[in-house]
Amino acid sequence: MKINLFDDVLLKNGQSAGIVEVLDEQTFLADIGDSPENWDTIDITLADIERIINRSE
């Protein structure tokens, strides 16, 4: 699965995340949370991702 900058993904733990930085093909920084007030930026790997929800254009 190819993950691009600004893709929205579903994590295996049920959370949705927005990719904000692609570090390499396996490692990403992603924002999780419902709104800017409670967003948190986390490190995730390709193994943490269940599927792509919305592909960036």
PDB file of N, CA and C in Angstrom:
ATOM      1  N   MET A   1       0.858  -1.171   0.000  1.00  0.00           N
ATOM      2  CA  MET A   1       0.000   0.000   0.000  1.00  0.00           C
ATOM      3  C   MET A   1       0.904   1.233   0.000  1.00  0.00           C
ATOM      4  N   LYS A   2       0.625   2.140  -0.894  1.00  0.00           N
ATOM      5  CA  LYS A   2       1.400   3.385  -1.019  1.00  0.00           C
ATOM      6  C   LYS A   2       0.646   4.504  -0.306  1.00  0.00           C
ATOM      7  N   ILE A   3       1.266   5.097   0.706  1.00  0.00           N
ATOM      8  CA  ILE A   3       0.676   6.189   1.472  1.00  0.00           C
ATOM      9  C   ILE A   3       1.308   7.494   1.021  1.00  0.00           C
ATOM     10  N   ASN A   4       0.465   8.484   0.735  1.00  0.00           N
ATOM     11  CA  ASN A   4       0.936   9.790   0.278  1.00  0.00           C
ATOM     12  C   ASN A   4       0.678  10.862   1.333  1.00  0.00           C
ATOM     13  N   LEU A   5       1.387  11.962   1.210  1.00  0.00           N
ATOM     14  CA  LEU A   5       1.189  13.118   2.070  1.00  0.00           C
ATOM     15  C   LEU A   5      -0.270  13.558   1.989  1.00  0.00           C
ATOM     16  N   PHE A   6      -0.875  13.828   3.118  1.00  0.00           N
ATOM     17  CA  PHE A   6      -2.254  14.305   3.283  1.00  0.00           C
ATOM     18  C   PHE A   6      -3.324  13.244   3.041  1.00  0.00           C
ATOM     19  N   ASP A   7      -2.951  11.966   2.883  1.00  0.00           N
ATOM     20  CA  ASP A   7      -3.958  10.909   2.849  1.00  0.00           C
ATOM     21  C   ASP A   7      -4.593  10.791   4.232  1.00  0.00           C
ATOM     22  N   ASP A   8      -5.867  10.419   4.254  1.00  0.00           N
ATOM     23  CA  ASP A   8      -6.546  10.073   5.501  1.00  0.00           C
ATOM     24  C   ASP A   8      -6.579   8.554   5.576  1.00  0.00           C
ATOM     25  N   VAL A   9      -6.166   8.015   6.723  1.00  0.00           N
ATOM     26  CA  VAL A   9      -6.079   6.571   6.876  1.00  0.00           C
ATOM     27  C   VAL A   9      -6.826   6.115   8.117  1.00  0.00           C
ATOM     28  N   LEU A  10      -7.238   4.850   8.092  1.00  0.00           N
ATOM     29  CA  LEU A  10      -7.828   4.213   9.260  1.00  0.00           C
ATOM     30  C   LEU A  10      -6.760   3.347   9.892  1.00  0.00           C
ATOM     31  N   LEU A  11      -6.495   3.584  11.167  1.00  0.00           N
ATOM     32  CA  LEU A  11      -5.497   2.801  11.876  1.00  0.00           C
ATOM     33  C   LEU A  11      -6.119   1.506  12.386  1.00  0.00           C
ATOM     34  N   LYS A  12      -5.309   0.517  12.639  1.00  0.00           N
ATOM     35  CA  LYS A  12      -5.798  -0.777  13.126  1.00  0.00           C
ATOM     36  C   LYS A  12      -6.448  -0.674  14.503  1.00  0.00           C
ATOM     37  N   ASN A  13      -6.157   0.402  15.250  1.00  0.00           N
ATOM     38  CA  ASN A  13      -6.777   0.595  16.563  1.00  0.00           C
ATOM     39  C   ASN A  13      -8.127   1.311  16.454  1.00  0.00           C
ATOM     40  N   GLY A  14      -8.596   1.597  15.215  1.00  0.00           N
ATOM     41  CA  GLY A  14      -9.899   2.210  15.004  1.00  0.00           C
ATOM     42  C   GLY A  14      -9.886   3.719  14.843  1.00  0.00           C
ATOM     43  N   GLN A  15      -8.776   4.362  15.117  1.00  0.00           N
ATOM     44  CA  GLN A  15      -8.684   5.815  14.970  1.00  0.00           C
ATOM     45  C   GLN A  15      -8.430   6.178  13.513  1.00  0.00           C
ATOM     46  N   SER A  16      -8.917   7.345  13.124  1.00  0.00           N
ATOM     47  CA  SER A  16      -8.564   7.868  11.807  1.00  0.00           C
ATOM     48  C   SER A  16      -7.433   8.869  11.993  1.00  0.00           C
ATOM     49  N   ALA A  17      -6.600   8.990  10.969  1.00  0.00           N
ATOM     50  CA  ALA A  17      -5.429   9.855  11.058  1.00  0.00           C
ATOM     51  C   ALA A  17      -5.179  10.505   9.709  1.00  0.00           C
ATOM     52  N   GLY A  18      -4.641  11.707   9.745  1.00  0.00           N
ATOM     53  CA  GLY A  18      -4.237  12.418   8.538  1.00  0.00           C
ATOM     54  C   GLY A  18      -2.724  12.437   8.446  1.00  0.00           C
ATOM     55  N   ILE A  19      -2.195  11.980   7.336  1.00  0.00           N
ATOM     56  CA  ILE A  19      -0.741  11.928   7.155  1.00  0.00           C
ATOM     57  C   ILE A  19      -0.215  13.348   6.918  1.00  0.00           C
ATOM     58  N   VAL A  20       0.690  13.806   7.777  1.00  0.00           N
ATOM     59  CA  VAL A  20       1.241  15.159   7.665  1.00  0.00           C
ATOM     60  C   VAL A  20       2.701  15.167   7.232  1.00  0.00           C
ATOM     61  N   GLU A  21       3.358  13.997   7.289  1.00  0.00           N
ATOM     62  CA  GLU A  21       4.736  13.900   6.799  1.00  0.00           C
ATOM     63  C   GLU A  21       5.041  12.445   6.484  1.00  0.00           C
ATOM     64  N   VAL A  22       5.644  12.222   5.327  1.00  0.00           N
ATOM     65  CA  VAL A  22       6.104  10.898   4.931  1.00  0.00           C
ATOM     66  C   VAL A  22       7.610  10.859   5.176  1.00  0.00           C
ATOM     67  N   LEU A  23       8.027  10.078   6.175  1.00  0.00           N
ATOM     68  CA  LEU A  23       9.449   9.995   6.513  1.00  0.00           C
ATOM     69  C   LEU A  23      10.177   9.030   5.587  1.00  0.00           C
ATOM     70  N   ASP A  24       9.539   7.909   5.280  1.00  0.00           N
ATOM     71  CA  ASP A  24      10.002   6.962   4.266  1.00  0.00           C
ATOM     72  C   ASP A  24       8.798   6.110   3.886  1.00  0.00           C
ATOM     73  N   GLU A  25       8.989   5.054   3.112  1.00  0.00           N
ATOM     74  CA  GLU A  25       7.850   4.254   2.640  1.00  0.00           C
ATOM     75  C   GLU A  25       7.141   3.502   3.755  1.00  0.00           C
ATOM     76  N   GLN A  26       7.756   3.397   4.921  1.00  0.00           N
ATOM     77  CA  GLN A  26       7.198   2.637   6.045  1.00  0.00           C
ATOM     78  C   GLN A  26       6.829   3.483   7.259  1.00  0.00           C
ATOM     79  N   THR A  27       7.288   4.725   7.333  1.00  0.00           N
ATOM     80  CA  THR A  27       7.161   5.539   8.536  1.00  0.00           C
ATOM     81  C   THR A  27       6.561   6.903   8.213  1.00  0.00           C
ATOM     82  N   PHE A  28       5.616   7.335   9.071  1.00  0.00           N
ATOM     83  CA  PHE A  28       4.869   8.559   8.810  1.00  0.00           C
ATOM     84  C   PHE A  28       4.612   9.325  10.104  1.00  0.00           C
ATOM     85  N   LEU A  29       4.376  10.625   9.975  1.00  0.00           N
ATOM     86  CA  LEU A  29       3.817  11.427  11.057  1.00  0.00           C
ATOM     87  C   LEU A  29       2.369  11.674  10.689  1.00  0.00           C
ATOM     88  N   ALA A  30       1.480  11.522  11.670  1.00  0.00           N
ATOM     89  CA  ALA A  30       0.059  11.665  11.408  1.00  0.00           C
ATOM     90  C   ALA A  30      -0.614  12.432  12.530  1.00  0.00           C
ATOM     91  N   ASP A  31      -1.633  13.210  12.167  1.00  0.00           N
ATOM     92  CA  ASP A  31      -2.458  13.905  13.153  1.00  0.00           C
ATOM     93  C   ASP A  31      -3.687  13.057  13.446  1.00  0.00           C
ATOM     94  N   ILE A  32      -3.975  12.880  14.742  1.00  0.00           N
ATOM     95  CA  ILE A  32      -5.197  12.202  15.166  1.00  0.00           C
ATOM     96  C   ILE A  32      -5.976  13.161  16.046  1.00  0.00           C
ATOM     97  N   GLY A  33      -7.270  12.945  16.150  1.00  0.00           N
ATOM     98  CA  GLY A  33      -8.121  13.795  16.974  1.00  0.00           C
ATOM     99  C   GLY A  33      -9.308  14.289  16.186  1.00  0.00           C
ATOM    100  N   ASP A  34     -10.268  14.895  16.891  1.00  0.00           N
ATOM    101  CA  ASP A  34     -11.520  15.333  16.285  1.00  0.00           C
ATOM    102  C   ASP A  34     -11.495  16.757  15.758  1.00  0.00           C
ATOM    103  N   SER A  35     -10.645  17.583  16.333  1.00  0.00           N
ATOM    104  CA  SER A  35     -10.605  19.000  15.937  1.00  0.00           C
ATOM    105  C   SER A  35      -9.229  19.564  16.291  1.00  0.00           C
ATOM    106  N   PRO A  36      -8.911  20.747  15.798  1.00  0.00           N
ATOM    107  CA  PRO A  36      -7.597  21.336  16.106  1.00  0.00           C
ATOM    108  C   PRO A  36      -7.319  21.460  17.608  1.00  0.00           C
ATOM    109  N   GLU A  37      -8.359  21.567  18.411  1.00  0.00           N
ATOM    110  CA  GLU A  37      -8.161  21.711  19.861  1.00  0.00           C
ATOM    111  C   GLU A  37      -7.595  20.447  20.499  1.00  0.00           C
ATOM    112  N   ASN A  38      -7.884  19.272  19.916  1.00  0.00           N
ATOM    113  CA  ASN A  38      -7.401  18.041  20.552  1.00  0.00           C
ATOM    114  C   ASN A  38      -6.548  17.178  19.611  1.00  0.00           C
ATOM    115  N   TRP A  39      -6.054  17.748  18.506  1.00  0.00           N
ATOM    116  CA  TRP A  39      -5.166  16.996  17.620  1.00  0.00           C
ATOM    117  C   TRP A  39      -3.873  16.654  18.327  1.00  0.00           C
ATOM    118  N   ASP A  40      -3.342  15.503  17.974  1.00  0.00           N
ATOM    119  CA  ASP A  40      -2.040  15.072  18.471  1.00  0.00           C
ATOM    120  C   ASP A  40      -1.275  14.498  17.286  1.00  0.00           C
ATOM    121  N   THR A  41      -0.019  14.822  17.149  1.00  0.00           N
ATOM    122  CA  THR A  41       0.803  14.289  16.079  1.00  0.00           C
ATOM    123  C   THR A  41       1.562  13.088  16.615  1.00  0.00           C
ATOM    124  N   ILE A  42       1.413  11.946  15.911  1.00  0.00           N
ATOM    125  CA  ILE A  42       2.031  10.697  16.358  1.00  0.00           C
ATOM    126  C   ILE A  42       2.866  10.094  15.232  1.00  0.00           C
ATOM    127  N   ASP A  43       3.805   9.240  15.617  1.00  0.00           N
ATOM    128  CA  ASP A  43       4.568   8.436  14.653  1.00  0.00           C
ATOM    129  C   ASP A  43       3.787   7.161  14.397  1.00  0.00           C
ATOM    130  N   ILE A  44       3.625   6.792  13.122  1.00  0.00           N
ATOM    131  CA  ILE A  44       3.000   5.516  12.792  1.00  0.00           C
ATOM    132  C   ILE A  44       3.821   4.832  11.699  1.00  0.00           C
ATOM    133  N   THR A  45       3.614   3.535  11.569  1.00  0.00           N
ATOM    134  CA  THR A  45       4.267   2.774  10.515  1.00  0.00           C
ATOM    135  C   THR A  45       3.196   2.190   9.602  1.00  0.00           C
ATOM    136  N   LEU A  46       3.616   1.689   8.474  1.00  0.00           N
ATOM    137  CA  LEU A  46       2.699   1.076   7.535  1.00  0.00           C
ATOM    138  C   LEU A  46       1.933  -0.068   8.194  1.00  0.00           C
ATOM    139  N   ALA A  47       2.573  -0.768   9.121  1.00  0.00           N
ATOM    140  CA  ALA A  47       1.925  -1.879   9.829  1.00  0.00           C
ATOM    141  C   ALA A  47       0.763  -1.415  10.710  1.00  0.00           C
ATOM    142  N   ASP A  48       0.728  -0.139  11.088  1.00  0.00           N
ATOM    143  CA  ASP A  48      -0.351   0.405  11.929  1.00  0.00           C
ATOM    144  C   ASP A  48      -1.598   0.750  11.125  1.00  0.00           C
ATOM    145  N   ILE A  49      -1.487   0.790   9.797  1.00  0.00           N
ATOM    146  CA  ILE A  49      -2.565   1.285   8.939  1.00  0.00           C
ATOM    147  C   ILE A  49      -3.402   0.126   8.418  1.00  0.00           C
ATOM    148  N   GLU A  50      -4.718   0.229   8.639  1.00  0.00           N
ATOM    149  CA  GLU A  50      -5.669  -0.764   8.135  1.00  0.00           C
ATOM    150  C   GLU A  50      -5.966  -0.515   6.656  1.00  0.00           C
ATOM    151  N   ARG A  51      -6.332   0.758   6.334  1.00  0.00           N
ATOM    152  CA  ARG A  51      -6.658   1.088   4.951  1.00  0.00           C
ATOM    153  C   ARG A  51      -6.648   2.602   4.768  1.00  0.00           C
ATOM    154  N   ILE A  52      -6.656   3.027   3.517  1.00  0.00           N
ATOM    155  CA  ILE A  52      -6.760   4.451   3.174  1.00  0.00           C
ATOM    156  C   ILE A  52      -8.232   4.810   3.126  1.00  0.00           C
ATOM    157  N   ILE A  53      -8.617   5.870   3.837  1.00  0.00           N
ATOM    158  CA  ILE A  53      -9.998   6.346   3.841  1.00  0.00           C
ATOM    159  C   ILE A  53     -10.207   7.316   2.687  1.00  0.00           C
ATOM    160  N   ASN A  54      -9.287   8.247   2.526  1.00  0.00           N
ATOM    161  CA  ASN A  54      -9.391   9.279   1.511  1.00  0.00           C
ATOM    162  C   ASN A  54      -8.007   9.580   0.968  1.00  0.00           C
ATOM    163  N   ARG A  55      -7.855   9.462  -0.321  1.00  0.00           N
ATOM    164  CA  ARG A  55      -6.555   9.701  -0.958  1.00  0.00           C
ATOM    165  C   ARG A  55      -6.440  11.181  -1.304  1.00  0.00           C
ATOM    166  N   SER A  56      -5.281  11.792  -0.991  1.00  0.00           N
ATOM    167  CA  SER A  56      -5.038  13.187  -1.370  1.00  0.00           C
ATOM    168  C   SER A  56      -4.849  13.262  -2.883  1.00  0.00           C
ATOM    169  N   GLU A  57      -5.103  14.426  -3.431  1.00  0.00           N
ATOM    170  CA  GLU A  57      -4.996  14.549  -4.888  1.00  0.00           C
ATOM    171  C   GLU A  57      -3.752  15.244  -5.326  1.00  0.00           C
TER     172      GLU A  57
END
